[in-house]
Amino acid sequence: PPICIGGSGEKRTLRTAAKYAQHWNFVGGTPAEFARKRDVLHRHCADVGRDPAEITLSSHVRLDPDLDYAKVAAEAEALGEAGVDLAIVYLPPPHTPAVLEPLAKALEPLR
């Protein structure tokens, strides 16, 4: 199966992802932070002779307890514009199915 490495450590984690992973997960932060870490990953890819386009880029997007669905959609959109291929939505405990439908509606325009 494809290997996903998550994290943002510039010296070891991103270097290891450049060498071995098919998927890198940025565990959270701003689009600018993501872009900076992505650039570090790309430099590590160049160092090992790898095309960075071979690596799927994802990021966590957190639904806070206040359930601001529009904020989640805005964060996912901004990360997508910064180069994220896949947003992984983190749901706060307690996990309740009631959040799924409004979340899906908020994210629908991004599909």
PDB file of N, CA and C in Angstrom:
ATOM      1  N   PRO A   1       0.831  -1.208   0.000  1.00  0.00           N
ATOM      2  CA  PRO A   1       0.000   0.000   0.000  1.00  0.00           C
ATOM      3  C   PRO A   1       0.868   1.261   0.000  1.00  0.00           C
ATOM      4  N   PRO A   2       0.316   2.367  -0.439  1.00  0.00           N
ATOM      5  CA  PRO A   2       1.056   3.622  -0.394  1.00  0.00           C
ATOM      6  C   PRO A   2       1.433   3.974   1.049  1.00  0.00           C
ATOM      7  N   ILE A   3       2.566   4.612   1.197  1.00  0.00           N
ATOM      8  CA  ILE A   3       3.049   5.034   2.508  1.00  0.00           C
ATOM      9  C   ILE A   3       2.742   6.518   2.688  1.00  0.00           C
ATOM     10  N   CYS A   4       2.096   6.858   3.814  1.00  0.00           N
ATOM     11  CA  CYS A   4       1.829   8.248   4.180  1.00  0.00           C
ATOM     12  C   CYS A   4       2.688   8.580   5.393  1.00  0.00           C
ATOM     13  N   ILE A   5       3.429   9.654   5.298  1.00  0.00           N
ATOM     14  CA  ILE A   5       4.211  10.140   6.428  1.00  0.00           C
ATOM     15  C   ILE A   5       3.647  11.500   6.806  1.00  0.00           C
ATOM     16  N   GLY A   6       3.281  11.634   8.074  1.00  0.00           N
ATOM     17  CA  GLY A   6       2.726  12.888   8.567  1.00  0.00           C
ATOM     18  C   GLY A   6       3.700  13.587   9.489  1.00  0.00           C
ATOM     19  N   GLY A   7       3.714  14.888   9.410  1.00  0.00           N
ATOM     20  CA  GLY A   7       4.572  15.680  10.268  1.00  0.00           C
ATOM     21  C   GLY A   7       5.181  16.822   9.495  1.00  0.00           C
ATOM     22  N   SER A   8       5.953  17.626  10.209  1.00  0.00           N
ATOM     23  CA  SER A   8       6.522  18.791   9.533  1.00  0.00           C
ATOM     24  C   SER A   8       7.967  19.074   9.929  1.00  0.00           C
ATOM     25  N   GLY A   9       8.596  18.112  10.566  1.00  0.00           N
ATOM     26  CA  GLY A   9      10.005  18.293  10.910  1.00  0.00           C
ATOM     27  C   GLY A   9      10.845  18.395   9.649  1.00  0.00           C
ATOM     28  N   GLU A  10      11.564  19.477   9.513  1.00  0.00           N
ATOM     29  CA  GLU A  10      12.253  19.771   8.257  1.00  0.00           C
ATOM     30  C   GLU A  10      13.485  18.915   8.014  1.00  0.00           C
ATOM     31  N   LYS A  11      14.167  18.506   9.064  1.00  0.00           N
ATOM     32  CA  LYS A  11      15.420  17.770   8.878  1.00  0.00           C
ATOM     33  C   LYS A  11      15.210  16.275   8.690  1.00  0.00           C
ATOM     34  N   ARG A  12      14.312  15.678   9.454  1.00  0.00           N
ATOM     35  CA  ARG A  12      14.138  14.225   9.344  1.00  0.00           C
ATOM     36  C   ARG A  12      12.826  13.829   8.679  1.00  0.00           C
ATOM     37  N   THR A  13      11.707  14.369   9.175  1.00  0.00           N
ATOM     38  CA  THR A  13      10.407  13.914   8.678  1.00  0.00           C
ATOM     39  C   THR A  13      10.235  14.205   7.194  1.00  0.00           C
ATOM     40  N   LEU A  14      10.478  15.435   6.793  1.00  0.00           N
ATOM     41  CA  LEU A  14      10.273  15.784   5.387  1.00  0.00           C
ATOM     42  C   LEU A  14      11.309  15.124   4.483  1.00  0.00           C
ATOM     43  N   ARG A  15      12.513  14.939   4.979  1.00  0.00           N
ATOM     44  CA  ARG A  15      13.529  14.221   4.196  1.00  0.00           C
ATOM     45  C   ARG A  15      13.115  12.763   4.008  1.00  0.00           C
ATOM     46  N   THR A  16      12.586  12.147   5.067  1.00  0.00           N
ATOM     47  CA  THR A  16      12.127  10.757   4.974  1.00  0.00           C
ATOM     48  C   THR A  16      10.938  10.650   4.027  1.00  0.00           C
ATOM     49  N   ALA A  17      10.017  11.616   4.104  1.00  0.00           N
ATOM     50  CA  ALA A  17       8.868  11.617   3.193  1.00  0.00           C
ATOM     51  C   ALA A  17       9.332  11.741   1.744  1.00  0.00           C
ATOM     52  N   ALA A  18      10.300  12.600   1.501  1.00  0.00           N
ATOM     53  CA  ALA A  18      10.815  12.777   0.134  1.00  0.00           C
ATOM     54  C   ALA A  18      11.399  11.487  -0.410  1.00  0.00           C
ATOM     55  N   LYS A  19      12.003  10.730   0.446  1.00  0.00           N
ATOM     56  CA  LYS A  19      12.685   9.515   0.003  1.00  0.00           C
ATOM     57  C   LYS A  19      11.743   8.320  -0.127  1.00  0.00           C
ATOM     58  N   TYR A  20      10.761   8.190   0.778  1.00  0.00           N
ATOM     59  CA  TYR A  20       9.995   6.947   0.854  1.00  0.00           C
ATOM     60  C   TYR A  20       8.483   7.064   0.649  1.00  0.00           C
ATOM     61  N   ALA A  21       7.897   8.215   0.899  1.00  0.00           N
ATOM     62  CA  ALA A  21       6.434   8.311   0.949  1.00  0.00           C
ATOM     63  C   ALA A  21       5.806   8.554  -0.422  1.00  0.00           C
ATOM     64  N   GLN A  22       4.589   8.089  -0.559  1.00  0.00           N
ATOM     65  CA  GLN A  22       3.757   8.428  -1.707  1.00  0.00           C
ATOM     66  C   GLN A  22       2.761   9.528  -1.328  1.00  0.00           C
ATOM     67  N   HIS A  23       2.737   9.859  -0.027  1.00  0.00           N
ATOM     68  CA  HIS A  23       1.754  10.794   0.508  1.00  0.00           C
ATOM     69  C   HIS A  23       2.394  11.467   1.724  1.00  0.00           C
ATOM     70  N   TRP A  24       2.323  12.790   1.768  1.00  0.00           N
ATOM     71  CA  TRP A  24       2.782  13.527   2.947  1.00  0.00           C
ATOM     72  C   TRP A  24       1.604  14.269   3.525  1.00  0.00           C
ATOM     73  N   ASN A  25       1.414  14.165   4.860  1.00  0.00           N
ATOM     74  CA  ASN A  25       0.333  14.855   5.549  1.00  0.00           C
ATOM     75  C   ASN A  25       0.899  15.947   6.452  1.00  0.00           C
ATOM     76  N   PHE A  26       0.546  17.179   6.122  1.00  0.00           N
ATOM     77  CA  PHE A  26       0.845  18.341   6.959  1.00  0.00           C
ATOM     78  C   PHE A  26      -0.182  18.330   8.075  1.00  0.00           C
ATOM     79  N   VAL A  27       0.274  18.266   9.303  1.00  0.00           N
ATOM     80  CA  VAL A  27      -0.660  18.022  10.400  1.00  0.00           C
ATOM     81  C   VAL A  27      -1.437  19.246  10.855  1.00  0.00           C
ATOM     82  N   GLY A  28      -1.240  20.352  10.241  1.00  0.00           N
ATOM     83  CA  GLY A  28      -2.073  21.503  10.546  1.00  0.00           C
ATOM     84  C   GLY A  28      -1.281  22.784  10.662  1.00  0.00           C
ATOM     85  N   GLY A  29      -1.921  23.851  10.274  1.00  0.00           N
ATOM     86  CA  GLY A  29      -1.309  25.171  10.311  1.00  0.00           C
ATOM     87  C   GLY A  29      -1.893  26.020   9.203  1.00  0.00           C
ATOM     88  N   THR A  30      -1.290  27.150   9.008  1.00  0.00           N
ATOM     89  CA  THR A  30      -1.793  28.086   8.007  1.00  0.00           C
ATOM     90  C   THR A  30      -1.354  27.669   6.602  1.00  0.00           C
ATOM     91  N   PRO A  31      -2.024  28.195   5.591  1.00  0.00           N
ATOM     92  CA  PRO A  31      -1.573  27.926   4.224  1.00  0.00           C
ATOM     93  C   PRO A  31      -0.127  28.373   3.988  1.00  0.00           C
ATOM     94  N   ALA A  32       0.283  29.478   4.599  1.00  0.00           N
ATOM     95  CA  ALA A  32       1.670  29.937   4.435  1.00  0.00           C
ATOM     96  C   ALA A  32       2.647  28.944   5.064  1.00  0.00           C
ATOM     97  N   GLU A  33       2.294  28.405   6.230  1.00  0.00           N
ATOM     98  CA  GLU A  33       3.149  27.396   6.868  1.00  0.00           C
ATOM     99  C   GLU A  33       3.215  26.135   6.008  1.00  0.00           C
ATOM    100  N   PHE A  34       2.056  25.735   5.472  1.00  0.00           N
ATOM    101  CA  PHE A  34       2.040  24.574   4.583  1.00  0.00           C
ATOM    102  C   PHE A  34       2.962  24.812   3.385  1.00  0.00           C
ATOM    103  N   ALA A  35       2.835  25.980   2.756  1.00  0.00           N
ATOM    104  CA  ALA A  35       3.629  26.277   1.557  1.00  0.00           C
ATOM    105  C   ALA A  35       5.124  26.234   1.867  1.00  0.00           C
ATOM    106  N   ARG A  36       5.513  26.739   3.026  1.00  0.00           N
ATOM    107  CA  ARG A  36       6.925  26.711   3.404  1.00  0.00           C
ATOM    108  C   ARG A  36       7.410  25.283   3.600  1.00  0.00           C
ATOM    109  N   LYS A  37       6.613  24.463   4.285  1.00  0.00           N
ATOM    110  CA  LYS A  37       6.995  23.062   4.504  1.00  0.00           C
ATOM    111  C   LYS A  37       6.996  22.293   3.179  1.00  0.00           C
ATOM    112  N   ARG A  38       6.048  22.603   2.301  1.00  0.00           N
ATOM    113  CA  ARG A  38       6.008  21.966   0.978  1.00  0.00           C
ATOM    114  C   ARG A  38       7.283  22.279   0.205  1.00  0.00           C
ATOM    115  N   ASP A  39       7.725  23.526   0.291  1.00  0.00           N
ATOM    116  CA  ASP A  39       8.957  23.906  -0.399  1.00  0.00           C
ATOM    117  C   ASP A  39      10.163  23.154   0.157  1.00  0.00           C
ATOM    118  N   VAL A  40      10.183  22.943   1.469  1.00  0.00           N
ATOM    119  CA  VAL A  40      11.263  22.150   2.075  1.00  0.00           C
ATOM    120  C   VAL A  40      11.195  20.716   1.555  1.00  0.00           C
ATOM    121  N   LEU A  41       9.989  20.154   1.502  1.00  0.00           N
ATOM    122  CA  LEU A  41       9.816  18.804   0.962  1.00  0.00           C
ATOM    123  C   LEU A  41      10.332  18.737  -0.473  1.00  0.00           C
ATOM    124  N   HIS A  42      10.014  19.731  -1.276  1.00  0.00           N
ATOM    125  CA  HIS A  42      10.469  19.755  -2.671  1.00  0.00           C
ATOM    126  C   HIS A  42      11.992  19.810  -2.764  1.00  0.00           C
ATOM    127  N   ARG A  43      12.623  20.557  -1.860  1.00  0.00           N
ATOM    128  CA  ARG A  43      14.094  20.598  -1.861  1.00  0.00           C
ATOM    129  C   ARG A  43      14.678  19.231  -1.511  1.00  0.00           C
ATOM    130  N   HIS A  44      14.051  18.565  -0.537  1.00  0.00           N
ATOM    131  CA  HIS A  44      14.515  17.216  -0.192  1.00  0.00           C
ATOM    132  C   HIS A  44      14.304  16.264  -1.372  1.00  0.00           C
ATOM    133  N   CYS A  45      13.205  16.415  -2.087  1.00  0.00           N
ATOM    134  CA  CYS A  45      12.975  15.587  -3.278  1.00  0.00           C
ATOM    135  C   CYS A  45      14.087  15.816  -4.299  1.00  0.00           C
ATOM    136  N   ALA A  46      14.451  17.061  -4.518  1.00  0.00           N
ATOM    137  CA  ALA A  46      15.533  17.365  -5.464  1.00  0.00           C
ATOM    138  C   ALA A  46      16.837  16.716  -5.016  1.00  0.00           C
ATOM    139  N   ASP A  47      17.071  16.725  -3.713  1.00  0.00           N
ATOM    140  CA  ASP A  47      18.305  16.130  -3.181  1.00  0.00           C
ATOM    141  C   ASP A  47      18.395  14.632  -3.449  1.00  0.00           C
ATOM    142  N   VAL A  48      17.233  13.953  -3.471  1.00  0.00           N
ATOM    143  CA  VAL A  48      17.237  12.497  -3.689  1.00  0.00           C
ATOM    144  C   VAL A  48      16.851  12.135  -5.121  1.00  0.00           C
ATOM    145  N   GLY A  49      16.694  13.139  -5.984  1.00  0.00           N
ATOM    146  CA  GLY A  49      16.371  12.877  -7.384  1.00  0.00           C
ATOM    147  C   GLY A  49      14.954  12.401  -7.615  1.00  0.00           C
ATOM    148  N   ARG A  50      14.029  12.928  -6.841  1.00  0.00           N
ATOM    149  CA  ARG A  50      12.637  12.497  -6.955  1.00  0.00           C
ATOM    150  C   ARG A  50      11.760  13.643  -7.414  1.00  0.00           C
ATOM    151  N   ASP A  51      10.781  13.328  -8.260  1.00  0.00           N
ATOM    152  CA  ASP A  51       9.807  14.314  -8.707  1.00  0.00           C
ATOM    153  C   ASP A  51       8.802  14.530  -7.579  1.00  0.00           C
ATOM    154  N   PRO A  52       8.682  15.747  -7.037  1.00  0.00           N
ATOM    155  CA  PRO A  52       7.745  15.971  -5.940  1.00  0.00           C
ATOM    156  C   PRO A  52       6.287  15.757  -6.340  1.00  0.00           C
ATOM    157  N   ALA A  53       5.991  15.787  -7.628  1.00  0.00           N
ATOM    158  CA  ALA A  53       4.618  15.546  -8.082  1.00  0.00           C
ATOM    159  C   ALA A  53       4.174  14.112  -7.815  1.00  0.00           C
ATOM    160  N   GLU A  54       5.118  13.225  -7.499  1.00  0.00           N
ATOM    161  CA  GLU A  54       4.780  11.838  -7.165  1.00  0.00           C
ATOM    162  C   GLU A  54       4.170  11.712  -5.776  1.00  0.00           C
ATOM    163  N   ILE A  55       4.229  12.769  -4.977  1.00  0.00           N
ATOM    164  CA  ILE A  55       3.779  12.717  -3.587  1.00  0.00           C
ATOM    165  C   ILE A  55       2.466  13.476  -3.442  1.00  0.00           C
ATOM    166  N   THR A  56       1.428  12.788  -2.990  1.00  0.00           N
ATOM    167  CA  THR A  56       0.154  13.424  -2.671  1.00  0.00           C
ATOM    168  C   THR A  56       0.342  14.262  -1.417  1.00  0.00           C
ATOM    169  N   LEU A  57      -0.205  15.466  -1.418  1.00  0.00           N
ATOM    170  CA  LEU A  57      -0.077  16.376  -0.282  1.00  0.00           C
ATOM    171  C   LEU A  57      -1.431  16.540   0.395  1.00  0.00           C
ATOM    172  N   SER A  58      -1.454  16.314   1.705  1.00  0.00           N
ATOM    173  CA  SER A  58      -2.701  16.484   2.449  1.00  0.00           C
ATOM    174  C   SER A  58      -2.456  17.320   3.693  1.00  0.00           C
ATOM    175  N   SER A  59      -3.554  17.764   4.293  1.00  0.00           N
ATOM    176  CA  SER A  59      -3.474  18.536   5.532  1.00  0.00           C
ATOM    177  C   SER A  59      -4.711  18.272   6.371  1.00  0.00           C
ATOM    178  N   HIS A  60      -4.510  18.295   7.672  1.00  0.00           N
ATOM    179  CA  HIS A  60      -5.654  18.255   8.578  1.00  0.00           C
ATOM    180  C   HIS A  60      -6.336  19.614   8.577  1.00  0.00           C
ATOM    181  N   VAL A  61      -7.655  19.578   8.636  1.00  0.00           N
ATOM    182  CA  VAL A  61      -8.470  20.772   8.820  1.00  0.00           C
ATOM    183  C   VAL A  61      -9.383  20.443   9.994  1.00  0.00           C
ATOM    184  N   ARG A  62      -9.334  21.263  11.020  1.00  0.00           N
ATOM    185  CA  ARG A  62     -10.031  20.949  12.269  1.00  0.00           C
ATOM    186  C   ARG A  62     -11.396  21.627  12.336  1.00  0.00           C
ATOM    187  N   LEU A  63     -12.421  20.827  12.622  1.00  0.00           N
ATOM    188  CA  LEU A  63     -13.735  21.371  12.958  1.00  0.00           C
ATOM    189  C   LEU A  63     -13.715  21.605  14.456  1.00  0.00           C
ATOM    190  N   ASP A  64     -13.664  22.860  14.860  1.00  0.00           N
ATOM    191  CA  ASP A  64     -13.597  23.191  16.279  1.00  0.00           C
ATOM    192  C   ASP A  64     -14.934  22.925  16.963  1.00  0.00           C
ATOM    193  N   PRO A  65     -14.929  22.845  18.293  1.00  0.00           N
ATOM    194  CA  PRO A  65     -16.175  22.575  19.024  1.00  0.00           C
ATOM    195  C   PRO A  65     -17.286  23.582  18.761  1.00  0.00           C
ATOM    196  N   ASP A  66     -16.948  24.787  18.277  1.00  0.00           N
ATOM    197  CA  ASP A  66     -18.003  25.766  17.964  1.00  0.00           C
ATOM    198  C   ASP A  66     -18.750  25.420  16.678  1.00  0.00           C
ATOM    199  N   LEU A  67     -18.283  24.379  15.972  1.00  0.00           N
ATOM    200  CA  LEU A  67     -18.936  23.855  14.757  1.00  0.00           C
ATOM    201  C   LEU A  67     -19.101  24.922  13.675  1.00  0.00           C
ATOM    202  N   ASP A  68     -18.059  25.683  13.438  1.00  0.00           N
ATOM    203  CA  ASP A  68     -18.075  26.702  12.390  1.00  0.00           C
ATOM    204  C   ASP A  68     -17.718  26.034  11.056  1.00  0.00           C
ATOM    205  N   TYR A  69     -18.742  25.540  10.377  1.00  0.00           N
ATOM    206  CA  TYR A  69     -18.551  24.795   9.131  1.00  0.00           C
ATOM    207  C   TYR A  69     -17.959  25.673   8.029  1.00  0.00           C
ATOM    208  N   ALA A  70     -18.367  26.928   7.979  1.00  0.00           N
ATOM    209  CA  ALA A  70     -17.840  27.843   6.963  1.00  0.00           C
ATOM    210  C   ALA A  70     -16.338  28.053   7.153  1.00  0.00           C
ATOM    211  N   LYS A  71     -15.891  28.085   8.401  1.00  0.00           N
ATOM    212  CA  LYS A  71     -14.458  28.241   8.680  1.00  0.00           C
ATOM    213  C   LYS A  71     -13.684  27.037   8.150  1.00  0.00           C
ATOM    214  N   VAL A  72     -14.221  25.839   8.352  1.00  0.00           N
ATOM    215  CA  VAL A  72     -13.572  24.627   7.846  1.00  0.00           C
ATOM    216  C   VAL A  72     -13.462  24.699   6.324  1.00  0.00           C
ATOM    217  N   ALA A  73     -14.551  25.086   5.675  1.00  0.00           N
ATOM    218  CA  ALA A  73     -14.546  25.181   4.213  1.00  0.00           C
ATOM    219  C   ALA A  73     -13.537  26.229   3.739  1.00  0.00           C
ATOM    220  N   ALA A  74     -13.479  27.365   4.423  1.00  0.00           N
ATOM    221  CA  ALA A  74     -12.539  28.420   4.035  1.00  0.00           C
ATOM    222  C   ALA A  74     -11.092  27.956   4.216  1.00  0.00           C
ATOM    223  N   GLU A  75     -10.823  27.253   5.318  1.00  0.00           N
ATOM    224  CA  GLU A  75      -9.467  26.748   5.547  1.00  0.00           C
ATOM    225  C   GLU A  75      -9.094  25.704   4.498  1.00  0.00           C
ATOM    226  N   ALA A  76     -10.017  24.807   4.192  1.00  0.00           N
ATOM    227  CA  ALA A  76      -9.748  23.779   3.178  1.00  0.00           C
ATOM    228  C   ALA A  76      -9.502  24.428   1.820  1.00  0.00           C
ATOM    229  N   GLU A  77     -10.296  25.431   1.487  1.00  0.00           N
ATOM    230  CA  GLU A  77     -10.122  26.118   0.205  1.00  0.00           C
ATOM    231  C   GLU A  77      -8.760  26.818   0.138  1.00  0.00           C
ATOM    232  N   ALA A  78      -8.386  27.508   1.213  1.00  0.00           N
ATOM    233  CA  ALA A  78      -7.101  28.216   1.231  1.00  0.00           C
ATOM    234  C   ALA A  78      -5.934  27.238   1.136  1.00  0.00           C
ATOM    235  N   LEU A  79      -6.033  26.110   1.822  1.00  0.00           N
ATOM    236  CA  LEU A  79      -4.977  25.102   1.733  1.00  0.00           C
ATOM    237  C   LEU A  79      -4.922  24.501   0.329  1.00  0.00           C
ATOM    238  N   GLY A  80      -6.091  24.301  -0.283  1.00  0.00           N
ATOM    239  CA  GLY A  80      -6.119  23.806  -1.661  1.00  0.00           C
ATOM    240  C   GLY A  80      -5.433  24.769  -2.611  1.00  0.00           C
ATOM    241  N   GLU A  81      -5.664  26.053  -2.416  1.00  0.00           N
ATOM    242  CA  GLU A  81      -5.010  27.063  -3.253  1.00  0.00           C
ATOM    243  C   GLU A  81      -3.499  27.076  -3.036  1.00  0.00           C
ATOM    244  N   ALA A  82      -3.065  26.642  -1.844  1.00  0.00           N
ATOM    245  CA  ALA A  82      -1.629  26.585  -1.536  1.00  0.00           C
ATOM    246  C   ALA A  82      -0.988  25.291  -2.024  1.00  0.00           C
ATOM    247  N   GLY A  83      -1.817  24.359  -2.542  1.00  0.00           N
ATOM    248  CA  GLY A  83      -1.259  23.139  -3.108  1.00  0.00           C
ATOM    249  C   GLY A  83      -1.656  21.837  -2.451  1.00  0.00           C
ATOM    250  N   VAL A  84      -2.525  21.886  -1.445  1.00  0.00           N
ATOM    251  CA  VAL A  84      -2.989  20.651  -0.807  1.00  0.00           C
ATOM    252  C   VAL A  84      -3.889  19.897  -1.778  1.00  0.00           C
ATOM    253  N   ASP A  85      -3.629  18.597  -1.925  1.00  0.00           N
ATOM    254  CA  ASP A  85      -4.442  17.740  -2.787  1.00  0.00           C
ATOM    255  C   ASP A  85      -5.648  17.168  -2.057  1.00  0.00           C
ATOM    256  N   LEU A  86      -5.518  16.994  -0.740  1.00  0.00           N
ATOM    257  CA  LEU A  86      -6.521  16.286   0.047  1.00  0.00           C
ATOM    258  C   LEU A  86      -6.628  16.916   1.420  1.00  0.00           C
ATOM    259  N   ALA A  87      -7.832  17.320   1.821  1.00  0.00           N
ATOM    260  CA  ALA A  87      -8.061  17.835   3.175  1.00  0.00           C
ATOM    261  C   ALA A  87      -8.646  16.712   4.023  1.00  0.00           C
ATOM    262  N   ILE A  88      -8.084  16.530   5.199  1.00  0.00           N
ATOM    263  CA  ILE A  88      -8.566  15.526   6.144  1.00  0.00           C
ATOM    264  C   ILE A  88      -9.222  16.286   7.288  1.00  0.00           C
ATOM    265  N   VAL A  89     -10.538  16.148   7.420  1.00  0.00           N
ATOM    266  CA  VAL A  89     -11.262  16.896   8.438  1.00  0.00           C
ATOM    267  C   VAL A  89     -11.203  16.143   9.760  1.00  0.00           C
ATOM    268  N   TYR A  90     -10.699  16.823  10.780  1.00  0.00           N
ATOM    269  CA  TYR A  90     -10.661  16.274  12.130  1.00  0.00           C
ATOM    270  C   TYR A  90     -11.920  16.730  12.845  1.00  0.00           C
ATOM    271  N   LEU A  91     -12.689  15.774  13.356  1.00  0.00           N
ATOM    272  CA  LEU A  91     -13.924  16.077  14.073  1.00  0.00           C
ATOM    273  C   LEU A  91     -13.666  16.031  15.572  1.00  0.00           C
ATOM    274  N   PRO A  92     -14.162  17.025  16.311  1.00  0.00           N
ATOM    275  CA  PRO A  92     -13.922  17.048  17.744  1.00  0.00           C
ATOM    276  C   PRO A  92     -14.794  16.027  18.470  1.00  0.00           C
ATOM    277  N   PRO A  93     -14.277  15.447  19.544  1.00  0.00           N
ATOM    278  CA  PRO A  93     -15.132  14.593  20.361  1.00  0.00           C
ATOM    279  C   PRO A  93     -16.088  15.475  21.166  1.00  0.00           C
ATOM    280  N   PRO A  94     -17.230  15.009  21.568  1.00  0.00           N
ATOM    281  CA  PRO A  94     -17.721  13.670  21.243  1.00  0.00           C
ATOM    282  C   PRO A  94     -18.153  13.612  19.784  1.00  0.00           C
ATOM    283  N   HIS A  95     -17.849  12.515  19.145  1.00  0.00           N
ATOM    284  CA  HIS A  95     -18.192  12.340  17.738  1.00  0.00           C
ATOM    285  C   HIS A  95     -19.691  12.109  17.607  1.00  0.00           C
ATOM    286  N   THR A  96     -20.304  12.920  16.793  1.00  0.00           N
ATOM    287  CA  THR A  96     -21.744  12.799  16.590  1.00  0.00           C
ATOM    288  C   THR A  96     -22.051  12.887  15.103  1.00  0.00           C
ATOM    289  N   PRO A  97     -22.878  11.985  14.609  1.00  0.00           N
ATOM    290  CA  PRO A  97     -23.227  12.013  13.187  1.00  0.00           C
ATOM    291  C   PRO A  97     -23.937  13.296  12.760  1.00  0.00           C
ATOM    292  N   ALA A  98     -24.481  14.046  13.709  1.00  0.00           N
ATOM    293  CA  ALA A  98     -25.226  15.258  13.371  1.00  0.00           C
ATOM    294  C   ALA A  98     -24.355  16.312  12.685  1.00  0.00           C
ATOM    295  N   VAL A  99     -23.041  16.249  12.852  1.00  0.00           N
ATOM    296  CA  VAL A  99     -22.175  17.255  12.227  1.00  0.00           C
ATOM    297  C   VAL A  99     -21.899  16.951  10.761  1.00  0.00           C
ATOM    298  N   LEU A 100     -22.134  15.725  10.339  1.00  0.00           N
ATOM    299  CA  LEU A 100     -21.701  15.316   9.004  1.00  0.00           C
ATOM    300  C   LEU A 100     -22.460  15.998   7.874  1.00  0.00           C
ATOM    301  N   GLU A 101     -23.771  16.084   7.980  1.00  0.00           N
ATOM    302  CA  GLU A 101     -24.543  16.690   6.892  1.00  0.00           C
ATOM    303  C   GLU A 101     -24.231  18.173   6.714  1.00  0.00           C
ATOM    304  N   PRO A 102     -24.244  18.988   7.790  1.00  0.00           N
ATOM    305  CA  PRO A 102     -23.893  20.398   7.574  1.00  0.00           C
ATOM    306  C   PRO A 102     -22.443  20.589   7.127  1.00  0.00           C
ATOM    307  N   LEU A 103     -21.569  19.724   7.577  1.00  0.00           N
ATOM    308  CA  LEU A 103     -20.176  19.798   7.135  1.00  0.00           C
ATOM    309  C   LEU A 103     -20.078  19.495   5.643  1.00  0.00           C
ATOM    310  N   ALA A 104     -20.761  18.450   5.205  1.00  0.00           N
ATOM    311  CA  ALA A 104     -20.755  18.093   3.784  1.00  0.00           C
ATOM    312  C   ALA A 104     -21.326  19.225   2.931  1.00  0.00           C
ATOM    313  N   LYS A 105     -22.382  19.863   3.406  1.00  0.00           N
ATOM    314  CA  LYS A 105     -22.973  20.983   2.657  1.00  0.00           C
ATOM    315  C   LYS A 105     -22.001  22.154   2.555  1.00  0.00           C
ATOM    316  N   ALA A 106     -21.273  22.424   3.629  1.00  0.00           N
ATOM    317  CA  ALA A 106     -20.311  23.529   3.607  1.00  0.00           C
ATOM    318  C   ALA A 106     -19.149  23.239   2.663  1.00  0.00           C
ATOM    319  N   LEU A 107     -18.771  21.974   2.559  1.00  0.00           N
ATOM    320  CA  LEU A 107     -17.636  21.591   1.722  1.00  0.00           C
ATOM    321  C   LEU A 107     -18.016  21.322   0.265  1.00  0.00           C
ATOM    322  N   GLU A 108     -19.292  21.180  -0.011  1.00  0.00           N
ATOM    323  CA  GLU A 108     -19.765  20.828  -1.358  1.00  0.00           C
ATOM    324  C   GLU A 108     -19.196  21.722  -2.461  1.00  0.00           C
ATOM    325  N   PRO A 109     -19.134  23.043  -2.279  1.00  0.00           N
ATOM    326  CA  PRO A 109     -18.595  23.881  -3.363  1.00  0.00           C
ATOM    327  C   PRO A 109     -17.130  23.598  -3.705  1.00  0.00           C
ATOM    328  N   LEU A 110     -16.408  22.933  -2.822  1.00  0.00           N
ATOM    329  CA  LEU A 110     -14.989  22.668  -3.061  1.00  0.00           C
ATOM    330  C   LEU A 110     -14.750  21.406  -3.861  1.00  0.00           C
ATOM    331  N   ARG A 111     -15.770  20.626  -4.074  1.00  0.00           N
ATOM    332  CA  ARG A 111     -15.589  19.336  -4.756  1.00  0.00           C
ATOM    333  C   ARG A 111     -15.415  19.504  -6.233  1.00  0.00           C
TER     334      ARG A 111
END
